Amino acid sequence: MPIRISRMFYRKHKKAPAIEIGTRYADVNQWKEARETWEDAITRADIKRAGFLCYNTAIAYEVFGDLETAIKYAQDAYTIYGNKEARNYVSILRSRQNDERILKEQQ
């Protein structure tokens, strides 16, 4: 049974224009371009903005269904860049991953 999931992500920041550019891609459902924009900007951003970019990249990977990579980026957002929102997001992703594993076992 399909379900709808919503996620909040960072939409813009004056010191990291890539956040807003990626958001515009995401707004028109161009998630590949959004992910590329956010991911490419991580290494050029300061610590705080890099955490935002990692968090947004994790969401893009979740959209693609790649929960392993989404978890990696969410963990990096928290552990490396100190993004507190990412800690909870890692738990959400792990729970979703577990639910998918259970679903596969039932089939």
PDB file of N, CA and C in Angstrom:
ATOM      1  N   MET A   1       0.847  -1.170   0.000  1.00  0.00           N
ATOM      2  CA  MET A   1       0.000   0.000   0.000  1.00  0.00           C
ATOM      3  C   MET A   1       0.899   1.242   0.000  1.00  0.00           C
ATOM      4  N   PRO A   2       0.739   2.100  -0.977  1.00  0.00           N
ATOM      5  CA  PRO A   2       1.564   3.312  -1.015  1.00  0.00           C
ATOM      6  C   PRO A   2       1.224   4.270   0.119  1.00  0.00           C
ATOM      7  N   ILE A   3       2.239   4.953   0.596  1.00  0.00           N
ATOM      8  CA  ILE A   3       2.032   5.989   1.611  1.00  0.00           C
ATOM      9  C   ILE A   3       2.776   7.247   1.180  1.00  0.00           C
ATOM     10  N   ARG A   4       2.372   8.371   1.703  1.00  0.00           N
ATOM     11  CA  ARG A   4       3.046   9.636   1.410  1.00  0.00           C
ATOM     12  C   ARG A   4       3.881  10.018   2.631  1.00  0.00           C
ATOM     13  N   ILE A   5       5.130  10.369   2.352  1.00  0.00           N
ATOM     14  CA  ILE A   5       6.051  10.786   3.404  1.00  0.00           C
ATOM     15  C   ILE A   5       6.495  12.210   3.080  1.00  0.00           C
ATOM     16  N   SER A   6       6.526  13.054   4.085  1.00  0.00           N
ATOM     17  CA  SER A   6       7.034  14.411   3.850  1.00  0.00           C
ATOM     18  C   SER A   6       8.266  14.641   4.721  1.00  0.00           C
ATOM     19  N   ARG A   7       9.184  15.395   4.183  1.00  0.00           N
ATOM     20  CA  ARG A   7      10.412  15.742   4.901  1.00  0.00           C
ATOM     21  C   ARG A   7      10.653  17.240   4.767  1.00  0.00           C
ATOM     22  N   MET A   8      11.106  17.817   5.824  1.00  0.00           N
ATOM     23  CA  MET A   8      11.523  19.220   5.804  1.00  0.00           C
ATOM     24  C   MET A   8      13.013  19.240   5.468  1.00  0.00           C
ATOM     25  N   PHE A   9      13.429  20.181   4.633  1.00  0.00           N
ATOM     26  CA  PHE A   9      14.846  20.326   4.349  1.00  0.00           C
ATOM     27  C   PHE A   9      15.207  21.804   4.305  1.00  0.00           C
ATOM     28  N   TYR A  10      16.498  22.064   4.342  1.00  0.00           N
ATOM     29  CA  TYR A  10      16.974  23.441   4.348  1.00  0.00           C
ATOM     30  C   TYR A  10      16.765  24.041   2.972  1.00  0.00           C
ATOM     31  N   ARG A  11      16.108  25.206   2.918  1.00  0.00           N
ATOM     32  CA  ARG A  11      15.686  25.782   1.650  1.00  0.00           C
ATOM     33  C   ARG A  11      16.623  26.847   1.106  1.00  0.00           C
ATOM     34  N   LYS A  12      17.251  27.625   1.963  1.00  0.00           N
ATOM     35  CA  LYS A  12      18.190  28.629   1.468  1.00  0.00           C
ATOM     36  C   LYS A  12      19.050  29.149   2.607  1.00  0.00           C
ATOM     37  N   HIS A  13      20.179  29.728   2.201  1.00  0.00           N
ATOM     38  CA  HIS A  13      21.070  30.345   3.158  1.00  0.00           C
ATOM     39  C   HIS A  13      21.944  31.342   2.407  1.00  0.00           C
ATOM     40  N   LYS A  14      22.105  32.516   2.961  1.00  0.00           N
ATOM     41  CA  LYS A  14      22.865  33.581   2.291  1.00  0.00           C
ATOM     42  C   LYS A  14      24.313  33.186   2.019  1.00  0.00           C
ATOM     43  N   LYS A  15      24.899  32.401   2.917  1.00  0.00           N
ATOM     44  CA  LYS A  15      26.305  32.029   2.772  1.00  0.00           C
ATOM     45  C   LYS A  15      26.514  30.750   1.958  1.00  0.00           C
ATOM     46  N   ALA A  16      25.442  30.108   1.542  1.00  0.00           N
ATOM     47  CA  ALA A  16      25.559  28.878   0.742  1.00  0.00           C
ATOM     48  C   ALA A  16      24.471  28.880  -0.333  1.00  0.00           C
ATOM     49  N   PRO A  17      24.715  29.561  -1.436  1.00  0.00           N
ATOM     50  CA  PRO A  17      23.698  29.640  -2.491  1.00  0.00           C
ATOM     51  C   PRO A  17      23.328  28.287  -3.084  1.00  0.00           C
ATOM     52  N   ALA A  18      24.202  27.288  -2.964  1.00  0.00           N
ATOM     53  CA  ALA A  18      23.886  25.960  -3.489  1.00  0.00           C
ATOM     54  C   ALA A  18      22.664  25.353  -2.802  1.00  0.00           C
ATOM     55  N   ILE A  19      22.417  25.732  -1.556  1.00  0.00           N
ATOM     56  CA  ILE A  19      21.240  25.226  -0.854  1.00  0.00           C
ATOM     57  C   ILE A  19      19.983  25.673  -1.597  1.00  0.00           C
ATOM     58  N   GLU A  20      19.915  26.946  -1.942  1.00  0.00           N
ATOM     59  CA  GLU A  20      18.736  27.472  -2.635  1.00  0.00           C
ATOM     60  C   GLU A  20      18.636  26.936  -4.061  1.00  0.00           C
ATOM     61  N   ILE A  21      19.746  26.822  -4.745  1.00  0.00           N
ATOM     62  CA  ILE A  21      19.726  26.295  -6.113  1.00  0.00           C
ATOM     63  C   ILE A  21      19.194  24.859  -6.106  1.00  0.00           C
ATOM     64  N   GLY A  22      19.720  24.031  -5.211  1.00  0.00           N
ATOM     65  CA  GLY A  22      19.247  22.647  -5.092  1.00  0.00           C
ATOM     66  C   GLY A  22      17.779  22.583  -4.722  1.00  0.00           C
ATOM     67  N   THR A  23      17.347  23.490  -3.884  1.00  0.00           N
ATOM     68  CA  THR A  23      15.939  23.536  -3.479  1.00  0.00           C
ATOM     69  C   THR A  23      15.041  23.801  -4.676  1.00  0.00           C
ATOM     70  N   ARG A  24      15.466  24.694  -5.550  1.00  0.00           N
ATOM     71  CA  ARG A  24      14.656  24.976  -6.740  1.00  0.00           C
ATOM     72  C   ARG A  24      14.530  23.727  -7.609  1.00  0.00           C
ATOM     73  N   TYR A  25      15.612  22.964  -7.732  1.00  0.00           N
ATOM     74  CA  TYR A  25      15.532  21.695  -8.467  1.00  0.00           C
ATOM     75  C   TYR A  25      14.554  20.737  -7.783  1.00  0.00           C
ATOM     76  N   ALA A  26      14.665  20.620  -6.469  1.00  0.00           N
ATOM     77  CA  ALA A  26      13.771  19.721  -5.727  1.00  0.00           C
ATOM     78  C   ALA A  26      12.313  20.153  -5.856  1.00  0.00           C
ATOM     79  N   ASP A  27      12.076  21.458  -5.868  1.00  0.00           N
ATOM     80  CA  ASP A  27      10.712  21.975  -5.982  1.00  0.00           C
ATOM     81  C   ASP A  27      10.028  21.550  -7.279  1.00  0.00           C
ATOM     82  N   VAL A  28      10.827  21.326  -8.331  1.00  0.00           N
ATOM     83  CA  VAL A  28      10.244  20.907  -9.608  1.00  0.00           C
ATOM     84  C   VAL A  28      10.539  19.426  -9.883  1.00  0.00           C
ATOM     85  N   ASN A  29      10.815  18.694  -8.814  1.00  0.00           N
ATOM     86  CA  ASN A  29      10.989  17.240  -8.863  1.00  0.00           C
ATOM     87  C   ASN A  29      12.195  16.804  -9.705  1.00  0.00           C
ATOM     88  N   GLN A  30      13.236  17.613  -9.724  1.00  0.00           N
ATOM     89  CA  GLN A  30      14.490  17.254 -10.374  1.00  0.00           C
ATOM     90  C   GLN A  30      15.499  16.894  -9.275  1.00  0.00           C
ATOM     91  N   TRP A  31      15.245  15.764  -8.642  1.00  0.00           N
ATOM     92  CA  TRP A  31      16.012  15.374  -7.474  1.00  0.00           C
ATOM     93  C   TRP A  31      17.461  15.034  -7.795  1.00  0.00           C
ATOM     94  N   LYS A  32      17.720  14.485  -8.975  1.00  0.00           N
ATOM     95  CA  LYS A  32      19.108  14.173  -9.345  1.00  0.00           C
ATOM     96  C   LYS A  32      19.940  15.452  -9.368  1.00  0.00           C
ATOM     97  N   GLU A  33      19.413  16.483 -10.001  1.00  0.00           N
ATOM     98  CA  GLU A  33      20.119  17.757 -10.075  1.00  0.00           C
ATOM     99  C   GLU A  33      20.250  18.410  -8.702  1.00  0.00           C
ATOM    100  N   ALA A  34      19.199  18.295  -7.891  1.00  0.00           N
ATOM    101  CA  ALA A  34      19.250  18.839  -6.531  1.00  0.00           C
ATOM    102  C   ALA A  34      20.350  18.146  -5.738  1.00  0.00           C
ATOM    103  N   ARG A  35      20.374  16.818  -5.809  1.00  0.00           N
ATOM    104  CA  ARG A  35      21.389  16.061  -5.075  1.00  0.00           C
ATOM    105  C   ARG A  35      22.784  16.442  -5.534  1.00  0.00           C
ATOM    106  N   GLU A  36      22.985  16.518  -6.840  1.00  0.00           N
ATOM    107  CA  GLU A  36      24.305  16.868  -7.367  1.00  0.00           C
ATOM    108  C   GLU A  36      24.740  18.256  -6.891  1.00  0.00           C
ATOM    109  N   THR A  37      23.817  19.193  -6.911  1.00  0.00           N
ATOM    110  CA  THR A  37      24.118  20.564  -6.478  1.00  0.00           C
ATOM    111  C   THR A  37      24.530  20.586  -5.011  1.00  0.00           C
ATOM    112  N   TRP A  38      23.731  19.942  -4.162  1.00  0.00           N
ATOM    113  CA  TRP A  38      24.028  19.928  -2.729  1.00  0.00           C
ATOM    114  C   TRP A  38      25.319  19.169  -2.438  1.00  0.00           C
ATOM    115  N   GLU A  39      25.449  17.997  -3.042  1.00  0.00           N
ATOM    116  CA  GLU A  39      26.603  17.144  -2.763  1.00  0.00           C
ATOM    117  C   GLU A  39      27.913  17.811  -3.204  1.00  0.00           C
ATOM    118  N   ASP A  40      27.897  18.429  -4.367  1.00  0.00           N
ATOM    119  CA  ASP A  40      29.101  19.085  -4.874  1.00  0.00           C
ATOM    120  C   ASP A  40      29.536  20.267  -4.011  1.00  0.00           C
ATOM    121  N   ALA A  41      28.597  20.898  -3.337  1.00  0.00           N
ATOM    122  CA  ALA A  41      28.909  22.095  -2.545  1.00  0.00           C
ATOM    123  C   ALA A  41      29.399  21.780  -1.133  1.00  0.00           C
ATOM    124  N   ILE A  42      29.269  20.556  -0.687  1.00  0.00           N
ATOM    125  CA  ILE A  42      29.624  20.205   0.696  1.00  0.00           C
ATOM    126  C   ILE A  42      31.068  20.574   1.012  1.00  0.00           C
ATOM    127  N   THR A  43      31.996  20.205   0.144  1.00  0.00           N
ATOM    128  CA  THR A  43      33.417  20.425   0.446  1.00  0.00           C
ATOM    129  C   THR A  43      33.814  21.891   0.401  1.00  0.00           C
ATOM    130  N   ARG A  44      33.021  22.727  -0.259  1.00  0.00           N
ATOM    131  CA  ARG A  44      33.343  24.160  -0.358  1.00  0.00           C
ATOM    132  C   ARG A  44      32.668  24.996   0.732  1.00  0.00           C
ATOM    133  N   ALA A  45      31.754  24.405   1.462  1.00  0.00           N
ATOM    134  CA  ALA A  45      30.983  25.146   2.466  1.00  0.00           C
ATOM    135  C   ALA A  45      31.684  25.130   3.824  1.00  0.00           C
ATOM    136  N   ASP A  46      31.329  26.117   4.651  1.00  0.00           N
ATOM    137  CA  ASP A  46      31.831  26.075   6.028  1.00  0.00           C
ATOM    138  C   ASP A  46      31.088  24.965   6.782  1.00  0.00           C
ATOM    139  N   ILE A  47      31.513  24.720   7.990  1.00  0.00           N
ATOM    140  CA  ILE A  47      30.993  23.565   8.741  1.00  0.00           C
ATOM    141  C   ILE A  47      29.469  23.582   8.870  1.00  0.00           C
ATOM    142  N   LYS A  48      28.912  24.682   9.274  1.00  0.00           N
ATOM    143  CA  LYS A  48      27.463  24.746   9.496  1.00  0.00           C
ATOM    144  C   LYS A  48      26.696  24.493   8.205  1.00  0.00           C
ATOM    145  N   ARG A  49      27.080  25.172   7.133  1.00  0.00           N
ATOM    146  CA  ARG A  49      26.376  25.004   5.859  1.00  0.00           C
ATOM    147  C   ARG A  49      26.619  23.620   5.264  1.00  0.00           C
ATOM    148  N   ALA A  50      27.802  23.063   5.491  1.00  0.00           N
ATOM    149  CA  ALA A  50      28.076  21.702   5.021  1.00  0.00           C
ATOM    150  C   ALA A  50      27.129  20.707   5.699  1.00  0.00           C
ATOM    151  N   GLY A  51      26.808  20.955   6.963  1.00  0.00           N
ATOM    152  CA  GLY A  51      25.826  20.110   7.657  1.00  0.00           C
ATOM    153  C   GLY A  51      24.454  20.205   7.011  1.00  0.00           C
ATOM    154  N   PHE A  52      24.060  21.418   6.623  1.00  0.00           N
ATOM    155  CA  PHE A  52      22.775  21.598   5.936  1.00  0.00           C
ATOM    156  C   PHE A  52      22.786  20.855   4.601  1.00  0.00           C
ATOM    157  N   LEU A  53      23.883  20.991   3.868  1.00  0.00           N
ATOM    158  CA  LEU A  53      23.999  20.354   2.554  1.00  0.00           C
ATOM    159  C   LEU A  53      23.999  18.831   2.667  1.00  0.00           C
ATOM    160  N   CYS A  54      24.683  18.291   3.670  1.00  0.00           N
ATOM    161  CA  CYS A  54      24.675  16.837   3.904  1.00  0.00           C
ATOM    162  C   CYS A  54      23.267  16.359   4.228  1.00  0.00           C
ATOM    163  N   TYR A  55      22.583  17.099   5.062  1.00  0.00           N
ATOM    164  CA  TYR A  55      21.212  16.748   5.443  1.00  0.00           C
ATOM    165  C   TYR A  55      20.315  16.710   4.205  1.00  0.00           C
ATOM    166  N   ASN A  56      20.385  17.751   3.384  1.00  0.00           N
ATOM    167  CA  ASN A  56      19.572  17.790   2.167  1.00  0.00           C
ATOM    168  C   ASN A  56      19.948  16.661   1.212  1.00  0.00           C
ATOM    169  N   THR A  57      21.228  16.360   1.108  1.00  0.00           N
ATOM    170  CA  THR A  57      21.681  15.263   0.252  1.00  0.00           C
ATOM    171  C   THR A  57      21.107  13.937   0.747  1.00  0.00           C
ATOM    172  N   ALA A  58      21.059  13.754   2.043  1.00  0.00           N
ATOM    173  CA  ALA A  58      20.458  12.540   2.614  1.00  0.00           C
ATOM    174  C   ALA A  58      18.995  12.414   2.190  1.00  0.00           C
ATOM    175  N   ILE A  59      18.279  13.511   2.213  1.00  0.00           N
ATOM    176  CA  ILE A  59      16.875  13.483   1.798  1.00  0.00           C
ATOM    177  C   ILE A  59      16.764  13.092   0.335  1.00  0.00           C
ATOM    178  N   ALA A  60      17.640  13.634  -0.499  1.00  0.00           N
ATOM    179  CA  ALA A  60      17.605  13.280  -1.925  1.00  0.00           C
ATOM    180  C   ALA A  60      17.844  11.782  -2.113  1.00  0.00           C
ATOM    181  N   TYR A  61      18.798  11.222  -1.392  1.00  0.00           N
ATOM    182  CA  TYR A  61      19.038   9.781  -1.501  1.00  0.00           C
ATOM    183  C   TYR A  61      17.845   8.975  -0.995  1.00  0.00           C
ATOM    184  N   GLU A  62      17.171   9.475   0.021  1.00  0.00           N
ATOM    185  CA  GLU A  62      15.958   8.790   0.477  1.00  0.00           C
ATOM    186  C   GLU A  62      14.895   8.806  -0.624  1.00  0.00           C
ATOM    187  N   VAL A  63      14.763   9.924  -1.317  1.00  0.00           N
ATOM    188  CA  VAL A  63      13.809  10.018  -2.428  1.00  0.00           C
ATOM    189  C   VAL A  63      14.125   8.944  -3.471  1.00  0.00           C
ATOM    190  N   PHE A  64      15.413   8.696  -3.728  1.00  0.00           N
ATOM    191  CA  PHE A  64      15.818   7.684  -4.702  1.00  0.00           C
ATOM    192  C   PHE A  64      15.631   6.259  -4.171  1.00  0.00           C
ATOM    193  N   GLY A  65      15.354   6.130  -2.869  1.00  0.00           N
ATOM    194  CA  GLY A  65      15.191   4.803  -2.277  1.00  0.00           C
ATOM    195  C   GLY A  65      16.497   4.197  -1.797  1.00  0.00           C
ATOM    196  N   ASP A  66      17.577   4.959  -1.814  1.00  0.00           N
ATOM    197  CA  ASP A  66      18.889   4.490  -1.376  1.00  0.00           C
ATOM    198  C   ASP A  66      19.067   4.865   0.097  1.00  0.00           C
ATOM    199  N   LEU A  67      18.484   4.049   0.958  1.00  0.00           N
ATOM    200  CA  LEU A  67      18.489   4.366   2.389  1.00  0.00           C
ATOM    201  C   LEU A  67      19.874   4.250   3.009  1.00  0.00           C
ATOM    202  N   GLU A  68      20.703   3.325   2.522  1.00  0.00           N
ATOM    203  CA  GLU A  68      22.063   3.186   3.059  1.00  0.00           C
ATOM    204  C   GLU A  68      22.852   4.483   2.884  1.00  0.00           C
ATOM    205  N   THR A  69      22.821   5.031   1.680  1.00  0.00           N
ATOM    206  CA  THR A  69      23.556   6.266   1.414  1.00  0.00           C
ATOM    207  C   THR A  69      22.915   7.440   2.139  1.00  0.00           C
ATOM    208  N   ALA A  70      21.588   7.446   2.225  1.00  0.00           N
ATOM    209  CA  ALA A  70      20.896   8.502   2.968  1.00  0.00           C
ATOM    210  C   ALA A  70      21.342   8.493   4.431  1.00  0.00           C
ATOM    211  N   ILE A  71      21.440   7.318   5.005  1.00  0.00           N
ATOM    212  CA  ILE A  71      21.890   7.204   6.398  1.00  0.00           C
ATOM    213  C   ILE A  71      23.320   7.716   6.540  1.00  0.00           C
ATOM    214  N   LYS A  72      24.179   7.359   5.582  1.00  0.00           N
ATOM    215  CA  LYS A  72      25.572   7.816   5.639  1.00  0.00           C
ATOM    216  C   LYS A  72      25.642   9.342   5.646  1.00  0.00           C
ATOM    217  N   TYR A  73      24.897   9.985   4.747  1.00  0.00           N
ATOM    218  CA  TYR A  73      24.934  11.451   4.694  1.00  0.00           C
ATOM    219  C   TYR A  73      24.301  12.075   5.940  1.00  0.00           C
ATOM    220  N   ALA A  74      23.239  11.504   6.437  1.00  0.00           N
ATOM    221  CA  ALA A  74      22.615  12.029   7.656  1.00  0.00           C
ATOM    222  C   ALA A  74      23.562  11.867   8.848  1.00  0.00           C
ATOM    223  N   GLN A  75      24.245  10.728   8.925  1.00  0.00           N
ATOM    224  CA  GLN A  75      25.217  10.526   9.997  1.00  0.00           C
ATOM    225  C   GLN A  75      26.356  11.542   9.898  1.00  0.00           C
ATOM    226  N   ASP A  76      26.850  11.770   8.686  1.00  0.00           N
ATOM    227  CA  ASP A  76      27.910  12.764   8.498  1.00  0.00           C
ATOM    228  C   ASP A  76      27.424  14.157   8.904  1.00  0.00           C
ATOM    229  N   ALA A  77      26.199  14.474   8.535  1.00  0.00           N
ATOM    230  CA  ALA A  77      25.648  15.792   8.898  1.00  0.00           C
ATOM    231  C   ALA A  77      25.689  15.987  10.406  1.00  0.00           C
ATOM    232  N   TYR A  78      25.405  14.918  11.153  1.00  0.00           N
ATOM    233  CA  TYR A  78      25.407  15.024  12.614  1.00  0.00           C
ATOM    234  C   TYR A  78      26.822  14.915  13.196  1.00  0.00           C
ATOM    235  N   THR A  79      27.535  13.843  12.831  1.00  0.00           N
ATOM    236  CA  THR A  79      28.812  13.571  13.503  1.00  0.00           C
ATOM    237  C   THR A  79      29.933  14.514  13.072  1.00  0.00           C
ATOM    238  N   ILE A  80      30.016  14.815  11.790  1.00  0.00           N
ATOM    239  CA  ILE A  80      31.112  15.657  11.296  1.00  0.00           C
ATOM    240  C   ILE A  80      30.773  17.144  11.403  1.00  0.00           C
ATOM    241  N   TYR A  81      29.527  17.480  11.043  1.00  0.00           N
ATOM    242  CA  TYR A  81      29.166  18.892  10.924  1.00  0.00           C
ATOM    243  C   TYR A  81      28.265  19.412  12.046  1.00  0.00           C
ATOM    244  N   GLY A  82      27.854  18.538  12.959  1.00  0.00           N
ATOM    245  CA  GLY A  82      27.114  18.981  14.138  1.00  0.00           C
ATOM    246  C   GLY A  82      25.671  19.400  13.893  1.00  0.00           C
ATOM    247  N   ASN A  83      25.068  18.928  12.822  1.00  0.00           N
ATOM    248  CA  ASN A  83      23.673  19.262  12.535  1.00  0.00           C
ATOM    249  C   ASN A  83      22.761  18.422  13.432  1.00  0.00           C
ATOM    250  N   LYS A  84      22.138  19.054  14.399  1.00  0.00           N
ATOM    251  CA  LYS A  84      21.344  18.343  15.399  1.00  0.00           C
ATOM    252  C   LYS A  84      20.092  17.691  14.823  1.00  0.00           C
ATOM    253  N   GLU A  85      19.508  18.290  13.796  1.00  0.00           N
ATOM    254  CA  GLU A  85      18.317  17.708  13.161  1.00  0.00           C
ATOM    255  C   GLU A  85      18.630  16.350  12.549  1.00  0.00           C
ATOM    256  N   ALA A  86      19.846  16.164  12.099  1.00  0.00           N
ATOM    257  CA  ALA A  86      20.238  14.939  11.414  1.00  0.00           C
ATOM    258  C   ALA A  86      20.232  13.732  12.345  1.00  0.00           C
ATOM    259  N   ARG A  87      20.454  13.949  13.612  1.00  0.00           N
ATOM    260  CA  ARG A  87      20.457  12.828  14.568  1.00  0.00           C
ATOM    261  C   ARG A  87      19.105  12.130  14.568  1.00  0.00           C
ATOM    262  N   ASN A  88      18.046  12.891  14.641  1.00  0.00           N
ATOM    263  CA  ASN A  88      16.704  12.324  14.611  1.00  0.00           C
ATOM    264  C   ASN A  88      16.405  11.707  13.242  1.00  0.00           C
ATOM    265  N   TYR A  89      16.893  12.350  12.199  1.00  0.00           N
ATOM    266  CA  TYR A  89      16.648  11.852  10.842  1.00  0.00           C
ATOM    267  C   TYR A  89      17.297  10.486  10.637  1.00  0.00           C
ATOM    268  N   VAL A  90      18.477  10.256  11.211  1.00  0.00           N
ATOM    269  CA  VAL A  90      19.125   8.941  11.136  1.00  0.00           C
ATOM    270  C   VAL A  90      18.208   7.882  11.740  1.00  0.00           C
ATOM    271  N   SER A  91      17.601   8.188  12.869  1.00  0.00           N
ATOM    272  CA  SER A  91      16.678   7.235  13.507  1.00  0.00           C
ATOM    273  C   SER A  91      15.476   6.945  12.615  1.00  0.00           C
ATOM    274  N   ILE A  92      14.943   7.974  11.981  1.00  0.00           N
ATOM    275  CA  ILE A  92      13.806   7.803  11.074  1.00  0.00           C
ATOM    276  C   ILE A  92      14.201   6.900   9.904  1.00  0.00           C
ATOM    277  N   LEU A  93      15.368   7.145   9.341  1.00  0.00           N
ATOM    278  CA  LEU A  93      15.829   6.336   8.209  1.00  0.00           C
ATOM    279  C   LEU A  93      16.073   4.890   8.613  1.00  0.00           C
ATOM    280  N   ARG A  94      16.670   4.686   9.772  1.00  0.00           N
ATOM    281  CA  ARG A  94      16.907   3.307  10.241  1.00  0.00           C
ATOM    282  C   ARG A  94      15.589   2.577  10.477  1.00  0.00           C
ATOM    283  N   SER A  95      14.615   3.288  11.017  1.00  0.00           N
ATOM    284  CA  SER A  95      13.298   2.685  11.233  1.00  0.00           C
ATOM    285  C   SER A  95      12.663   2.321   9.888  1.00  0.00           C
ATOM    286  N   ARG A  96      12.772   3.212   8.934  1.00  0.00           N
ATOM    287  CA  ARG A  96      12.224   2.941   7.600  1.00  0.00           C
ATOM    288  C   ARG A  96      12.943   1.755   6.955  1.00  0.00           C
ATOM    289  N   GLN A  97      14.248   1.683   7.131  1.00  0.00           N
ATOM    290  CA  GLN A  97      15.030   0.578   6.597  1.00  0.00           C
ATOM    291  C   GLN A  97      14.586  -0.749   7.225  1.00  0.00           C
ATOM    292  N   ASN A  98      14.353  -0.725   8.521  1.00  0.00           N
ATOM    293  CA  ASN A  98      13.888  -1.919   9.217  1.00  0.00           C
ATOM    294  C   ASN A  98      12.499  -2.335   8.730  1.00  0.00           C
ATOM    295  N   ASP A  99      11.614  -1.363   8.535  1.00  0.00           N
ATOM    296  CA  ASP A  99      10.269  -1.669   8.028  1.00  0.00           C
ATOM    297  C   ASP A  99      10.338  -2.315   6.648  1.00  0.00           C
ATOM    298  N   GLU A 100      11.234  -1.835   5.802  1.00  0.00           N
ATOM    299  CA  GLU A 100      11.382  -2.421   4.462  1.00  0.00           C
ATOM    300  C   GLU A 100      11.926  -3.839   4.538  1.00  0.00           C
ATOM    301  N   ARG A 101      12.848  -4.078   5.463  1.00  0.00           N
ATOM    302  CA  ARG A 101      13.394  -5.429   5.648  1.00  0.00           C
ATOM    303  C   ARG A 101      12.294  -6.388   6.082  1.00  0.00           C
ATOM    304  N   ILE A 102      11.456  -5.950   7.030  1.00  0.00           N
ATOM    305  CA  ILE A 102      10.345  -6.785   7.494  1.00  0.00           C
ATOM    306  C   ILE A 102       9.365  -7.067   6.359  1.00  0.00           C
ATOM    307  N   LEU A 103       9.084  -6.061   5.563  1.00  0.00           N
ATOM    308  CA  LEU A 103       8.170  -6.223   4.437  1.00  0.00           C
ATOM    309  C   LEU A 103       8.706  -7.264   3.446  1.00  0.00           C
ATOM    310  N   LYS A 104       9.999  -7.213   3.152  1.00  0.00           N
ATOM    311  CA  LYS A 104      10.590  -8.185   2.235  1.00  0.00           C
ATOM    312  C   LYS A 104      10.516  -9.605   2.789  1.00  0.00           C
ATOM    313  N   GLU A 105      10.679  -9.740   4.094  1.00  0.00           N
ATOM    314  CA  GLU A 105      10.593 -11.060   4.721  1.00  0.00           C
ATOM    315  C   GLU A 105       9.176 -11.625   4.645  1.00  0.00           C
ATOM    316  N   GLN A 106       8.171 -10.768   4.635  1.00  0.00           N
ATOM    317  CA  GLN A 106       6.788 -11.215   4.598  1.00  0.00           C
ATOM    318  C   GLN A 106       6.344 -11.626   3.197  1.00  0.00           C
ATOM    319  N   GLN A 107       7.084 -11.222   2.199  1.00  0.00           N
ATOM    320  CA  GLN A 107       6.674 -11.528   0.822  1.00  0.00           C
ATOM    321  C   GLN A 107       7.026 -12.919   0.409  1.00  0.00           C
TER     322      GLN A 107
END
